[in-house]
Amino acid sequence: MTKVPSSLENGATESARDILSGDRRALARAITLIESAREDHQAQAQVLLGNLLSHTGGAVRIGISGSPGVGKSTFIEAFGLHLTEIGKRLAVLAVDPSSALSGGSILGDKTRMERLARAPSVFIRPSPAAGALGGVARRTRETMLACEAAGFDVVLIETVGVGQSEAAVAGLADLFVLLVQPGGGDDLQGIKRGVMELADLIIVTKADGDLRDLARHTESDYRSALALIRAHGKGPRPQVLSCSAMEESGLAEVWLAIEKHNDALVSSGELATKRQSQAVSWMWREVEERLMAALRDEAGVTALSERLENEVAAGRQSPVAAATAILAAFRQQDGDK
């Protein structure tokens, strides 16, 4: 194992001390380090996280997803402001789609949540998904741990709400919240069963004005659907609520439901078990991603892969046989080193 330079260890210790004291600039610098793709930055980040690890785990981890247009940012801002009013410190990790050209974050979370961003007890960090599986940035988990070490009581993880984002955020959070719009049966049919099975809390947004009655009917529809889908599930029963970010109504009920859910997980021991399982799963995801990166970096394997891709596309080779050949070549290259 490579020995970590003492200067790096000293720097990480100092950074950890600043983060634990609540220094926001130190936290922001640490997250930038964590998200960096440079090997030396990653080495520093891992030493820093090692110093912080024993101070993590104290926050309520909430994943939030929903289809575009459902009002995720509007809800998060209103809900976040409610949390600050009751004395909570909040970190928002908003995972944005990435620009295809620059790889940068394109939604501008602090612009979308301007009032929340000004709150002194709130830390908002936009992170580009950068093509990561499930619309969750690769380093979201480490960023979440750094925020916990900095003393935040609640960590909200907002995803892009497409593809496999729901499953990815459920693998990070204690509780998965699905936001839906007021709508009829057609809208309910459009929600995948798998997403419904993941949800611990479904919130019907925009329950105000002309949509108030429709939201109430939608809430009832989702409650009936959950009773069928999750009838034999373990853990706390999922709930369905409605709220209005515009009128700031229903937000206290949402937080009460989250607290009750979290208390039930803690008292049953399920929270500890869940977090242990999530950490192990994240470890294997990291292994998979690093193996794929190493495979792509092998010049000989890359040339073979390109040839086999063409053969598979042309129907001259089966995908399984091609995969076997690529892995055999990778093992050979690795053994020759």
C-alpha atoms as a PDB file:
ATOM      1  CA  MET A   1       0.000   0.000   0.000  1.00  0.00           C
ATOM      2  CA  THR A   2       1.348   3.423  -0.973  1.00  0.00           C
ATOM      3  CA  LYS A   3       2.326   5.526   2.021  1.00  0.00           C
ATOM      4  CA  VAL A   4       0.452   8.807   2.222  1.00  0.00           C
ATOM      5  CA  PRO A   5       2.849  11.795   2.444  1.00  0.00           C
ATOM      6  CA  SER A   6       2.846  13.403   5.888  1.00  0.00           C
ATOM      7  CA  SER A   7       2.163  16.830   4.358  1.00  0.00           C
ATOM      8  CA  LEU A   8      -1.014  15.437   2.781  1.00  0.00           C
ATOM      9  CA  GLU A   9      -2.087  13.910   6.103  1.00  0.00           C
ATOM     10  CA  ASN A  10      -1.469  17.201   7.910  1.00  0.00           C
ATOM     11  CA  GLY A  11      -3.449  19.128   5.311  1.00  0.00           C
ATOM     12  CA  ALA A  12      -6.338  16.675   5.517  1.00  0.00           C
ATOM     13  CA  THR A  13      -6.351  16.914   9.311  1.00  0.00           C
ATOM     14  CA  GLU A  14      -6.516  20.693   9.158  1.00  0.00           C
ATOM     15  CA  SER A  15      -9.297  20.607   6.536  1.00  0.00           C
ATOM     16  CA  ALA A  16     -11.244  18.096   8.599  1.00  0.00           C
ATOM     17  CA  ARG A  17     -10.909  20.317  11.667  1.00  0.00           C
ATOM     18  CA  ASP A  18     -12.275  23.296   9.700  1.00  0.00           C
ATOM     19  CA  ILE A  19     -15.209  21.265   8.342  1.00  0.00           C
ATOM     20  CA  LEU A  20     -16.093  19.925  11.785  1.00  0.00           C
ATOM     21  CA  SER A  21     -16.153  23.493  13.073  1.00  0.00           C
ATOM     22  CA  GLY A  22     -18.759  24.373  10.437  1.00  0.00           C
ATOM     23  CA  ASP A  23     -16.517  26.332   8.041  1.00  0.00           C
ATOM     24  CA  ARG A  24     -18.571  26.539   4.819  1.00  0.00           C
ATOM     25  CA  ARG A  25     -15.643  27.500   2.634  1.00  0.00           C
ATOM     26  CA  ALA A  26     -13.679  24.513   3.892  1.00  0.00           C
ATOM     27  CA  LEU A  27     -16.680  22.286   3.121  1.00  0.00           C
ATOM     28  CA  ALA A  28     -17.007  23.716  -0.392  1.00  0.00           C
ATOM     29  CA  ARG A  29     -13.286  23.181  -1.038  1.00  0.00           C
ATOM     30  CA  ALA A  30     -13.547  19.617   0.263  1.00  0.00           C
ATOM     31  CA  ILE A  31     -16.447  18.820  -2.064  1.00  0.00           C
ATOM     32  CA  THR A  32     -14.530  20.244  -5.023  1.00  0.00           C
ATOM     33  CA  LEU A  33     -11.657  17.933  -4.049  1.00  0.00           C
ATOM     34  CA  ILE A  34     -14.026  14.967  -3.694  1.00  0.00           C
ATOM     35  CA  GLU A  35     -15.558  15.583  -7.132  1.00  0.00           C
ATOM     36  CA  SER A  36     -12.221  16.019  -8.892  1.00  0.00           C
ATOM     37  CA  ALA A  37     -11.177  13.294 -11.326  1.00  0.00           C
ATOM     38  CA  ARG A  38      -7.452  13.861 -10.708  1.00  0.00           C
ATOM     39  CA  GLU A  39      -5.732  10.952  -8.991  1.00  0.00           C
ATOM     40  CA  ASP A  40      -3.812  13.152  -6.555  1.00  0.00           C
ATOM     41  CA  HIS A  41      -7.021  14.955  -5.595  1.00  0.00           C
ATOM     42  CA  GLN A  42      -8.768  11.642  -5.066  1.00  0.00           C
ATOM     43  CA  ALA A  43      -5.943  10.488  -2.782  1.00  0.00           C
ATOM     44  CA  GLN A  44      -6.291  13.673  -0.729  1.00  0.00           C
ATOM     45  CA  ALA A  45     -10.077  13.335  -0.646  1.00  0.00           C
ATOM     46  CA  GLN A  46      -9.923   9.787   0.693  1.00  0.00           C
ATOM     47  CA  VAL A  47      -7.567  10.809   3.504  1.00  0.00           C
ATOM     48  CA  LEU A  48      -9.878  13.696   4.365  1.00  0.00           C
ATOM     49  CA  LEU A  49     -12.958  11.454   4.349  1.00  0.00           C
ATOM     50  CA  GLY A  50     -11.141   8.993   6.575  1.00  0.00           C
ATOM     51  CA  ASN A  51     -10.725  11.773   9.132  1.00  0.00           C
ATOM     52  CA  LEU A  52     -14.398  12.738   8.874  1.00  0.00           C
ATOM     53  CA  LEU A  53     -15.995   9.294   8.800  1.00  0.00           C
ATOM     54  CA  SER A  54     -16.470   8.904  12.545  1.00  0.00           C
ATOM     55  CA  HIS A  55     -18.380  12.215  12.604  1.00  0.00           C
ATOM     56  CA  THR A  56     -20.928  11.220   9.938  1.00  0.00           C
ATOM     57  CA  GLY A  57     -24.322   9.550  10.109  1.00  0.00           C
ATOM     58  CA  GLY A  58     -26.158  12.122  12.205  1.00  0.00           C
ATOM     59  CA  ALA A  59     -28.338  13.622   9.477  1.00  0.00           C
ATOM     60  CA  VAL A  60     -31.677  12.532   8.073  1.00  0.00           C
ATOM     61  CA  ARG A  61     -30.937  11.597   4.454  1.00  0.00           C
ATOM     62  CA  ILE A  62     -33.823  12.362   2.098  1.00  0.00           C
ATOM     63  CA  GLY A  63     -33.861  11.567  -1.601  1.00  0.00           C
ATOM     64  CA  ILE A  64     -36.276  13.541  -3.773  1.00  0.00           C
ATOM     65  CA  SER A  65     -37.283  12.721  -7.313  1.00  0.00           C
ATOM     66  CA  GLY A  66     -40.081  13.461  -9.724  1.00  0.00           C
ATOM     67  CA  SER A  67     -40.683  14.041 -13.397  1.00  0.00           C
ATOM     68  CA  PRO A  68     -39.720  17.375 -15.004  1.00  0.00           C
ATOM     69  CA  GLY A  69     -42.317  20.060 -14.317  1.00  0.00           C
ATOM     70  CA  VAL A  70     -43.493  18.587 -11.035  1.00  0.00           C
ATOM     71  CA  GLY A  71     -41.939  21.450  -9.109  1.00  0.00           C
ATOM     72  CA  LYS A  72     -38.975  19.844  -7.326  1.00  0.00           C
ATOM     73  CA  SER A  73     -37.029  23.061  -6.870  1.00  0.00           C
ATOM     74  CA  THR A  74     -40.110  25.007  -5.782  1.00  0.00           C
ATOM     75  CA  PHE A  75     -40.969  22.317  -3.252  1.00  0.00           C
ATOM     76  CA  ILE A  76     -37.398  22.043  -1.954  1.00  0.00           C
ATOM     77  CA  GLU A  77     -37.171  25.791  -1.448  1.00  0.00           C
ATOM     78  CA  ALA A  78     -40.479  26.011   0.441  1.00  0.00           C
ATOM     79  CA  PHE A  79     -39.781  22.852   2.451  1.00  0.00           C
ATOM     80  CA  GLY A  80     -36.211  23.945   3.163  1.00  0.00           C
ATOM     81  CA  LEU A  81     -37.373  27.318   4.459  1.00  0.00           C
ATOM     82  CA  HIS A  82     -39.838  25.511   6.727  1.00  0.00           C
ATOM     83  CA  LEU A  83     -36.990  23.394   8.112  1.00  0.00           C
ATOM     84  CA  THR A  84     -34.907  26.476   8.848  1.00  0.00           C
ATOM     85  CA  GLU A  85     -37.859  28.016  10.679  1.00  0.00           C
ATOM     86  CA  ILE A  86     -37.970  25.046  13.052  1.00  0.00           C
ATOM     87  CA  GLY A  87     -34.219  25.261  13.672  1.00  0.00           C
ATOM     88  CA  LYS A  88     -32.834  22.660  11.270  1.00  0.00           C
ATOM     89  CA  ARG A  89     -29.573  23.012   9.353  1.00  0.00           C
ATOM     90  CA  LEU A  90     -30.061  21.881   5.772  1.00  0.00           C
ATOM     91  CA  ALA A  91     -27.722  20.753   2.989  1.00  0.00           C
ATOM     92  CA  VAL A  92     -29.168  20.425  -0.517  1.00  0.00           C
ATOM     93  CA  LEU A  93     -27.233  18.324  -3.014  1.00  0.00           C
ATOM     94  CA  ALA A  94     -28.905  19.096  -6.318  1.00  0.00           C
ATOM     95  CA  VAL A  95     -27.637  16.807  -9.060  1.00  0.00           C
ATOM     96  CA  ASP A  96     -27.999  18.548 -12.402  1.00  0.00           C
ATOM     97  CA  PRO A  97     -27.946  17.272 -15.959  1.00  0.00           C
ATOM     98  CA  SER A  98     -24.555  18.098 -17.441  1.00  0.00           C
ATOM     99  CA  SER A  99     -23.782  20.184 -20.465  1.00  0.00           C
ATOM    100  CA  ALA A 100     -22.786  17.860 -23.288  1.00  0.00           C
ATOM    101  CA  LEU A 101     -20.011  20.257 -24.294  1.00  0.00           C
ATOM    102  CA  SER A 102     -18.588  21.580 -21.047  1.00  0.00           C
ATOM    103  CA  GLY A 103     -19.704  18.938 -18.554  1.00  0.00           C
ATOM    104  CA  GLY A 104     -20.832  21.739 -16.291  1.00  0.00           C
ATOM    105  CA  SER A 105     -24.007  22.107 -14.295  1.00  0.00           C
ATOM    106  CA  ILE A 106     -26.646  23.881 -16.384  1.00  0.00           C
ATOM    107  CA  LEU A 107     -29.633  24.455 -14.104  1.00  0.00           C
ATOM    108  CA  GLY A 108     -28.107  26.927 -11.657  1.00  0.00           C
ATOM    109  CA  ASP A 109     -29.568  25.712  -8.367  1.00  0.00           C
ATOM    110  CA  LYS A 110     -28.820  28.851  -6.386  1.00  0.00           C
ATOM    111  CA  THR A 111     -30.781  30.798  -8.992  1.00  0.00           C
ATOM    112  CA  ARG A 112     -33.654  28.335  -8.857  1.00  0.00           C
ATOM    113  CA  MET A 113     -33.722  28.472  -5.031  1.00  0.00           C
ATOM    114  CA  GLU A 114     -32.729  32.070  -4.451  1.00  0.00           C
ATOM    115  CA  ARG A 115     -34.517  32.575  -1.113  1.00  0.00           C
ATOM    116  CA  LEU A 116     -33.281  29.284   0.288  1.00  0.00           C
ATOM    117  CA  ALA A 117     -29.714  30.021  -0.816  1.00  0.00           C
ATOM    118  CA  ARG A 118     -29.714  33.190   1.297  1.00  0.00           C
ATOM    119  CA  ALA A 119     -30.642  31.316   4.490  1.00  0.00           C
ATOM    120  CA  PRO A 120     -27.594  31.200   6.816  1.00  0.00           C
ATOM    121  CA  SER A 121     -28.314  27.630   7.958  1.00  0.00           C
ATOM    122  CA  VAL A 122     -28.569  26.233   4.401  1.00  0.00           C
ATOM    123  CA  PHE A 123     -25.816  24.915   2.147  1.00  0.00           C
ATOM    124  CA  ILE A 124     -26.673  24.274  -1.516  1.00  0.00           C
ATOM    125  CA  ARG A 125     -24.286  22.390  -3.748  1.00  0.00           C
ATOM    126  CA  PRO A 126     -25.095  21.754  -7.417  1.00  0.00           C
ATOM    127  CA  SER A 127     -23.210  18.787  -8.874  1.00  0.00           C
ATOM    128  CA  PRO A 128     -23.253  17.798 -12.558  1.00  0.00           C
ATOM    129  CA  ALA A 129     -24.405  14.225 -13.128  1.00  0.00           C
ATOM    130  CA  ALA A 130     -21.820  14.011 -15.925  1.00  0.00           C
ATOM    131  CA  GLY A 131     -23.337  10.870 -17.381  1.00  0.00           C
ATOM    132  CA  ALA A 132     -23.280   8.995 -14.084  1.00  0.00           C
ATOM    133  CA  LEU A 133     -25.637   6.050 -13.825  1.00  0.00           C
ATOM    134  CA  GLY A 134     -29.060   7.037 -12.567  1.00  0.00           C
ATOM    135  CA  GLY A 135     -28.548  10.775 -12.675  1.00  0.00           C
ATOM    136  CA  VAL A 136     -26.704  10.721  -9.355  1.00  0.00           C
ATOM    137  CA  ALA A 137     -23.199  12.163  -9.387  1.00  0.00           C
ATOM    138  CA  ARG A 138     -20.516   9.589  -8.719  1.00  0.00           C
ATOM    139  CA  ARG A 139     -19.318  11.352  -5.580  1.00  0.00           C
ATOM    140  CA  THR A 140     -22.727  12.232  -4.139  1.00  0.00           C
ATOM    141  CA  ARG A 141     -22.318   9.793  -1.259  1.00  0.00           C
ATOM    142  CA  GLU A 142     -18.947  11.229  -0.191  1.00  0.00           C
ATOM    143  CA  THR A 143     -20.335  14.754  -0.506  1.00  0.00           C
ATOM    144  CA  MET A 144     -23.251  13.764   1.704  1.00  0.00           C
ATOM    145  CA  LEU A 145     -20.862  12.418   4.347  1.00  0.00           C
ATOM    146  CA  ALA A 146     -18.859  15.659   4.304  1.00  0.00           C
ATOM    147  CA  CYS A 147     -22.069  17.641   4.859  1.00  0.00           C
ATOM    148  CA  GLU A 148     -22.992  15.420   7.790  1.00  0.00           C
ATOM    149  CA  ALA A 149     -19.566  15.956   9.325  1.00  0.00           C
ATOM    150  CA  ALA A 150     -20.119  19.715   8.976  1.00  0.00           C
ATOM    151  CA  GLY A 151     -23.141  19.390  11.257  1.00  0.00           C
ATOM    152  CA  PHE A 152     -26.134  19.567   8.933  1.00  0.00           C
ATOM    153  CA  ASP A 153     -29.268  17.950  10.374  1.00  0.00           C
ATOM    154  CA  VAL A 154     -30.942  17.161   7.060  1.00  0.00           C
ATOM    155  CA  VAL A 155     -29.410  16.307   3.685  1.00  0.00           C
ATOM    156  CA  LEU A 156     -31.713  16.538   0.664  1.00  0.00           C
ATOM    157  CA  ILE A 157     -30.535  14.819  -2.515  1.00  0.00           C
ATOM    158  CA  GLU A 158     -32.420  16.018  -5.579  1.00  0.00           C
ATOM    159  CA  THR A 159     -32.038  13.999  -8.775  1.00  0.00           C
ATOM    160  CA  VAL A 160     -32.855  14.750 -12.399  1.00  0.00           C
ATOM    161  CA  GLY A 161     -35.818  12.397 -12.143  1.00  0.00           C
ATOM    162  CA  VAL A 162     -35.191  10.369 -15.263  1.00  0.00           C
ATOM    163  CA  GLY A 163     -34.064   6.844 -16.055  1.00  0.00           C
ATOM    164  CA  GLN A 164     -32.636   5.024 -13.063  1.00  0.00           C
ATOM    165  CA  SER A 165     -32.361   8.081 -10.823  1.00  0.00           C
ATOM    166  CA  GLU A 166     -35.014   6.832  -8.415  1.00  0.00           C
ATOM    167  CA  ALA A 167     -33.181   3.579  -7.686  1.00  0.00           C
ATOM    168  CA  ALA A 168     -29.849   5.399  -7.408  1.00  0.00           C
ATOM    169  CA  VAL A 169     -31.078   7.955  -4.887  1.00  0.00           C
ATOM    170  CA  ALA A 170     -32.903   5.262  -2.909  1.00  0.00           C
ATOM    171  CA  GLY A 171     -29.484   3.617  -2.537  1.00  0.00           C
ATOM    172  CA  LEU A 172     -28.204   6.723  -0.771  1.00  0.00           C
ATOM    173  CA  ALA A 173     -31.107   7.968   1.295  1.00  0.00           C
ATOM    174  CA  ASP A 174     -32.931   6.886   4.443  1.00  0.00           C
ATOM    175  CA  LEU A 175     -36.213   7.904   2.896  1.00  0.00           C
ATOM    176  CA  PHE A 176     -37.208   8.277  -0.753  1.00  0.00           C
ATOM    177  CA  VAL A 177     -39.742  10.970  -1.623  1.00  0.00           C
ATOM    178  CA  LEU A 178     -41.564  10.949  -4.960  1.00  0.00           C
ATOM    179  CA  LEU A 179     -43.218  14.174  -6.087  1.00  0.00           C
ATOM    180  CA  VAL A 180     -46.216  13.897  -8.420  1.00  0.00           C
ATOM    181  CA  GLN A 181     -48.559  16.443  -9.960  1.00  0.00           C
ATOM    182  CA  PRO A 182     -52.333  16.554  -9.567  1.00  0.00           C
ATOM    183  CA  GLY A 183     -53.777  14.378 -12.295  1.00  0.00           C
ATOM    184  CA  GLY A 184     -56.263  11.678 -13.170  1.00  0.00           C
ATOM    185  CA  GLY A 185     -55.932   7.968 -13.766  1.00  0.00           C
ATOM    186  CA  ASP A 186     -53.789   8.446 -16.853  1.00  0.00           C
ATOM    187  CA  ASP A 187     -51.154  10.210 -14.764  1.00  0.00           C
ATOM    188  CA  LEU A 188     -51.152   7.396 -12.230  1.00  0.00           C
ATOM    189  CA  GLN A 189     -50.774   4.816 -14.978  1.00  0.00           C
ATOM    190  CA  GLY A 190     -47.699   6.680 -16.217  1.00  0.00           C
ATOM    191  CA  ILE A 191     -45.818   6.123 -12.947  1.00  0.00           C
ATOM    192  CA  LYS A 192     -43.756   2.951 -13.153  1.00  0.00           C
ATOM    193  CA  ARG A 193     -44.557   0.263 -10.614  1.00  0.00           C
ATOM    194  CA  GLY A 194     -40.876   0.065  -9.652  1.00  0.00           C
ATOM    195  CA  VAL A 195     -40.853   3.720  -8.638  1.00  0.00           C
ATOM    196  CA  MET A 196     -43.985   3.246  -6.555  1.00  0.00           C
ATOM    197  CA  GLU A 197     -42.333   0.327  -4.785  1.00  0.00           C
ATOM    198  CA  LEU A 198     -39.335   2.470  -3.893  1.00  0.00           C
ATOM    199  CA  ALA A 199     -41.308   5.425  -2.536  1.00  0.00           C
ATOM    200  CA  ASP A 200     -41.551   5.887   1.221  1.00  0.00           C
ATOM    201  CA  LEU A 201     -43.510   9.097   0.818  1.00  0.00           C
ATOM    202  CA  ILE A 202     -45.486  10.368  -2.176  1.00  0.00           C
ATOM    203  CA  ILE A 203     -46.286  14.069  -2.221  1.00  0.00           C
ATOM    204  CA  VAL A 204     -48.861  15.577  -4.556  1.00  0.00           C
ATOM    205  CA  THR A 205     -47.600  19.075  -5.347  1.00  0.00           C
ATOM    206  CA  LYS A 206     -49.458  22.223  -6.442  1.00  0.00           C
ATOM    207  CA  ALA A 207     -52.436  21.484  -4.165  1.00  0.00           C
ATOM    208  CA  ASP A 208     -53.847  24.986  -4.390  1.00  0.00           C
ATOM    209  CA  GLY A 209     -56.271  27.129  -6.396  1.00  0.00           C
ATOM    210  CA  ASP A 210     -58.092  25.334  -9.180  1.00  0.00           C
ATOM    211  CA  LEU A 211     -55.966  22.218  -8.635  1.00  0.00           C
ATOM    212  CA  ARG A 212     -56.894  21.786  -4.967  1.00  0.00           C
ATOM    213  CA  ASP A 213     -59.736  19.309  -5.521  1.00  0.00           C
ATOM    214  CA  LEU A 214     -57.823  17.441  -8.209  1.00  0.00           C
ATOM    215  CA  ALA A 215     -54.860  17.115  -5.857  1.00  0.00           C
ATOM    216  CA  ARG A 216     -57.132  15.648  -3.191  1.00  0.00           C
ATOM    217  CA  HIS A 217     -58.459  13.048  -5.651  1.00  0.00           C
ATOM    218  CA  THR A 218     -54.928  12.267  -6.834  1.00  0.00           C
ATOM    219  CA  GLU A 219     -53.808  11.770  -3.241  1.00  0.00           C
ATOM    220  CA  SER A 220     -56.617   9.264  -2.758  1.00  0.00           C
ATOM    221  CA  ASP A 221     -55.733   7.440  -6.003  1.00  0.00           C
ATOM    222  CA  TYR A 222     -52.082   7.047  -5.011  1.00  0.00           C
ATOM    223  CA  ARG A 223     -53.019   5.901  -1.523  1.00  0.00           C
ATOM    224  CA  SER A 224     -55.192   3.154  -3.014  1.00  0.00           C
ATOM    225  CA  ALA A 225     -52.442   2.143  -5.447  1.00  0.00           C
ATOM    226  CA  LEU A 226     -49.830   1.946  -2.683  1.00  0.00           C
ATOM    227  CA  ALA A 227     -52.115  -0.216  -0.560  1.00  0.00           C
ATOM    228  CA  LEU A 228     -52.079  -2.794  -3.362  1.00  0.00           C
ATOM    229  CA  ILE A 229     -48.420  -2.533  -4.362  1.00  0.00           C
ATOM    230  CA  ARG A 230     -46.865  -2.358  -0.880  1.00  0.00           C
ATOM    231  CA  ALA A 231     -49.401  -4.463   1.039  1.00  0.00           C
ATOM    232  CA  HIS A 232     -46.793  -6.988   2.194  1.00  0.00           C
ATOM    233  CA  GLY A 233     -43.716  -4.765   2.329  1.00  0.00           C
ATOM    234  CA  LYS A 234     -41.438  -4.529   5.356  1.00  0.00           C
ATOM    235  CA  GLY A 235     -40.741  -1.394   7.330  1.00  0.00           C
ATOM    236  CA  PRO A 236     -42.965   1.650   7.887  1.00  0.00           C
ATOM    237  CA  ARG A 237     -45.956   1.898   5.587  1.00  0.00           C
ATOM    238  CA  PRO A 238     -45.506   4.471   2.816  1.00  0.00           C
ATOM    239  CA  GLN A 239     -47.666   7.569   3.022  1.00  0.00           C
ATOM    240  CA  VAL A 240     -49.294   9.926   0.548  1.00  0.00           C
ATOM    241  CA  LEU A 241     -49.651  13.623   1.311  1.00  0.00           C
ATOM    242  CA  SER A 242     -50.343  16.801  -0.618  1.00  0.00           C
ATOM    243  CA  CYS A 243     -48.911  20.270  -0.221  1.00  0.00           C
ATOM    244  CA  SER A 244     -48.671  23.695  -1.802  1.00  0.00           C
ATOM    245  CA  ALA A 245     -45.305  25.397  -2.008  1.00  0.00           C
ATOM    246  CA  MET A 246     -47.010  28.582  -3.163  1.00  0.00           C
ATOM    247  CA  GLU A 247     -49.317  28.720  -0.134  1.00  0.00           C
ATOM    248  CA  GLU A 248     -46.709  27.056   2.123  1.00  0.00           C
ATOM    249  CA  SER A 249     -49.356  24.594   3.267  1.00  0.00           C
ATOM    250  CA  GLY A 250     -48.834  20.932   4.109  1.00  0.00           C
ATOM    251  CA  LEU A 251     -45.083  21.373   4.694  1.00  0.00           C
ATOM    252  CA  ALA A 252     -45.278  20.773   8.456  1.00  0.00           C
ATOM    253  CA  GLU A 253     -47.201  17.555   7.785  1.00  0.00           C
ATOM    254  CA  VAL A 254     -44.508  16.420   5.345  1.00  0.00           C
ATOM    255  CA  TRP A 255     -41.762  16.910   7.935  1.00  0.00           C
ATOM    256  CA  LEU A 256     -43.840  15.160  10.615  1.00  0.00           C
ATOM    257  CA  ALA A 257     -44.270  12.157   8.302  1.00  0.00           C
ATOM    258  CA  ILE A 258     -40.515  12.096   7.655  1.00  0.00           C
ATOM    259  CA  GLU A 259     -39.744  12.252  11.374  1.00  0.00           C
ATOM    260  CA  LYS A 260     -42.153   9.419  12.146  1.00  0.00           C
ATOM    261  CA  HIS A 261     -40.669   7.302   9.360  1.00  0.00           C
ATOM    262  CA  ASN A 262     -37.136   7.946  10.597  1.00  0.00           C
ATOM    263  CA  ASP A 263     -38.067   7.221  14.218  1.00  0.00           C
ATOM    264  CA  ALA A 264     -39.610   3.911  13.162  1.00  0.00           C
ATOM    265  CA  LEU A 265     -36.439   2.932  11.275  1.00  0.00           C
ATOM    266  CA  VAL A 266     -34.240   3.836  14.237  1.00  0.00           C
ATOM    267  CA  SER A 267     -36.336   2.031  16.843  1.00  0.00           C
ATOM    268  CA  SER A 268     -36.521  -1.161  14.759  1.00  0.00           C
ATOM    269  CA  GLY A 269     -32.802  -1.153  13.959  1.00  0.00           C
ATOM    270  CA  GLU A 270     -33.623  -1.044  10.254  1.00  0.00           C
ATOM    271  CA  LEU A 271     -31.883   2.285   9.694  1.00  0.00           C
ATOM    272  CA  ALA A 272     -28.491   0.924  10.764  1.00  0.00           C
ATOM    273  CA  THR A 273     -28.985  -2.202   8.649  1.00  0.00           C
ATOM    274  CA  LYS A 274     -30.080  -0.153   5.656  1.00  0.00           C
ATOM    275  CA  ARG A 275     -27.098   2.182   5.835  1.00  0.00           C
ATOM    276  CA  GLN A 276     -24.680  -0.724   6.171  1.00  0.00           C
ATOM    277  CA  SER A 277     -26.150  -2.362   3.077  1.00  0.00           C
ATOM    278  CA  GLN A 278     -26.012   0.923   1.145  1.00  0.00           C
ATOM    279  CA  ALA A 279     -22.337   1.427   2.031  1.00  0.00           C
ATOM    280  CA  VAL A 280     -21.411  -2.064   0.819  1.00  0.00           C
ATOM    281  CA  SER A 281     -23.406  -1.590  -2.402  1.00  0.00           C
ATOM    282  CA  TRP A 282     -21.628   1.728  -2.993  1.00  0.00           C
ATOM    283  CA  MET A 283     -18.276  -0.012  -2.528  1.00  0.00           C
ATOM    284  CA  TRP A 284     -19.084  -2.548  -5.249  1.00  0.00           C
ATOM    285  CA  ARG A 285     -20.356   0.195  -7.559  1.00  0.00           C
ATOM    286  CA  GLU A 286     -17.005   1.919  -7.135  1.00  0.00           C
ATOM    287  CA  VAL A 287     -15.208  -1.344  -7.924  1.00  0.00           C
ATOM    288  CA  GLU A 288     -17.276  -1.789 -11.093  1.00  0.00           C
ATOM    289  CA  GLU A 289     -16.636   1.764 -12.274  1.00  0.00           C
ATOM    290  CA  ARG A 290     -12.902   1.511 -11.638  1.00  0.00           C
ATOM    291  CA  LEU A 291     -12.664  -1.835 -13.412  1.00  0.00           C
ATOM    292  CA  MET A 292     -14.483  -0.407 -16.438  1.00  0.00           C
ATOM    293  CA  ALA A 293     -12.159   2.601 -16.458  1.00  0.00           C
ATOM    294  CA  ALA A 294      -9.097   0.355 -16.243  1.00  0.00           C
ATOM    295  CA  LEU A 295     -10.423  -1.831 -19.048  1.00  0.00           C
ATOM    296  CA  ARG A 296     -10.994   1.146 -21.331  1.00  0.00           C
ATOM    297  CA  ASP A 297      -7.490   2.459 -20.633  1.00  0.00           C
ATOM    298  CA  GLU A 298      -5.789  -0.719 -21.879  1.00  0.00           C
ATOM    299  CA  ALA A 299      -4.642   0.032 -25.435  1.00  0.00           C
ATOM    300  CA  GLY A 300      -4.644  -3.606 -26.542  1.00  0.00           C
ATOM    301  CA  VAL A 301      -8.081  -4.248 -25.091  1.00  0.00           C
ATOM    302  CA  THR A 302      -9.460  -1.086 -26.688  1.00  0.00           C
ATOM    303  CA  ALA A 303      -8.392  -2.203 -30.159  1.00  0.00           C
ATOM    304  CA  LEU A 304      -9.935  -5.627 -29.601  1.00  0.00           C
ATOM    305  CA  SER A 305     -13.127  -4.088 -28.241  1.00  0.00           C
ATOM    306  CA  GLU A 306     -13.576  -1.926 -31.327  1.00  0.00           C
ATOM    307  CA  ARG A 307     -13.173  -4.937 -33.603  1.00  0.00           C
ATOM    308  CA  LEU A 308     -15.557  -7.069 -31.553  1.00  0.00           C
ATOM    309  CA  GLU A 309     -18.134  -4.279 -31.433  1.00  0.00           C
ATOM    310  CA  ASN A 310     -18.238  -4.293 -35.216  1.00  0.00           C
ATOM    311  CA  GLU A 311     -18.529  -8.092 -35.321  1.00  0.00           C
ATOM    312  CA  VAL A 312     -21.367  -8.073 -32.766  1.00  0.00           C
ATOM    313  CA  ALA A 313     -23.174  -5.303 -34.662  1.00  0.00           C
ATOM    314  CA  ALA A 314     -22.821  -7.261 -37.901  1.00  0.00           C
ATOM    315  CA  GLY A 315     -24.105 -10.465 -36.302  1.00  0.00           C
ATOM    316  CA  ARG A 316     -20.858 -12.368 -36.792  1.00  0.00           C
ATOM    317  CA  GLN A 317     -20.192 -12.725 -33.059  1.00  0.00           C
ATOM    318  CA  SER A 318     -22.481 -13.176 -30.081  1.00  0.00           C
ATOM    319  CA  PRO A 319     -22.351 -10.530 -27.337  1.00  0.00           C
ATOM    320  CA  VAL A 320     -21.506 -13.166 -24.716  1.00  0.00           C
ATOM    321  CA  ALA A 321     -18.591 -14.549 -26.721  1.00  0.00           C
ATOM    322  CA  ALA A 322     -17.302 -11.051 -27.424  1.00  0.00           C
ATOM    323  CA  ALA A 323     -17.507 -10.089 -23.733  1.00  0.00           C
ATOM    324  CA  THR A 324     -15.635 -13.265 -22.798  1.00  0.00           C
ATOM    325  CA  ALA A 325     -12.864 -12.417 -25.285  1.00  0.00           C
ATOM    326  CA  ILE A 326     -12.538  -8.856 -23.984  1.00  0.00           C
ATOM    327  CA  LEU A 327     -12.291  -9.993 -20.365  1.00  0.00           C
ATOM    328  CA  ALA A 328      -9.761 -12.697 -21.289  1.00  0.00           C
ATOM    329  CA  ALA A 329      -7.619 -10.084 -23.053  1.00  0.00           C
ATOM    330  CA  PHE A 330      -7.867  -7.760 -20.052  1.00  0.00           C
ATOM    331  CA  ARG A 331      -6.757 -10.510 -17.671  1.00  0.00           C
ATOM    332  CA  GLN A 332      -3.838 -11.317 -19.974  1.00  0.00           C
ATOM    333  CA  GLN A 333      -2.746  -7.690 -20.146  1.00  0.00           C
ATOM    334  CA  ASP A 334      -3.035  -7.376 -16.364  1.00  0.00           C
ATOM    335  CA  GLY A 335      -1.047 -10.589 -15.846  1.00  0.00           C
ATOM    336  CA  ASP A 336       1.769  -9.368 -18.104  1.00  0.00           C
ATOM    337  CA  LYS A 337       2.376  -6.300 -15.950  1.00  0.00           C
END
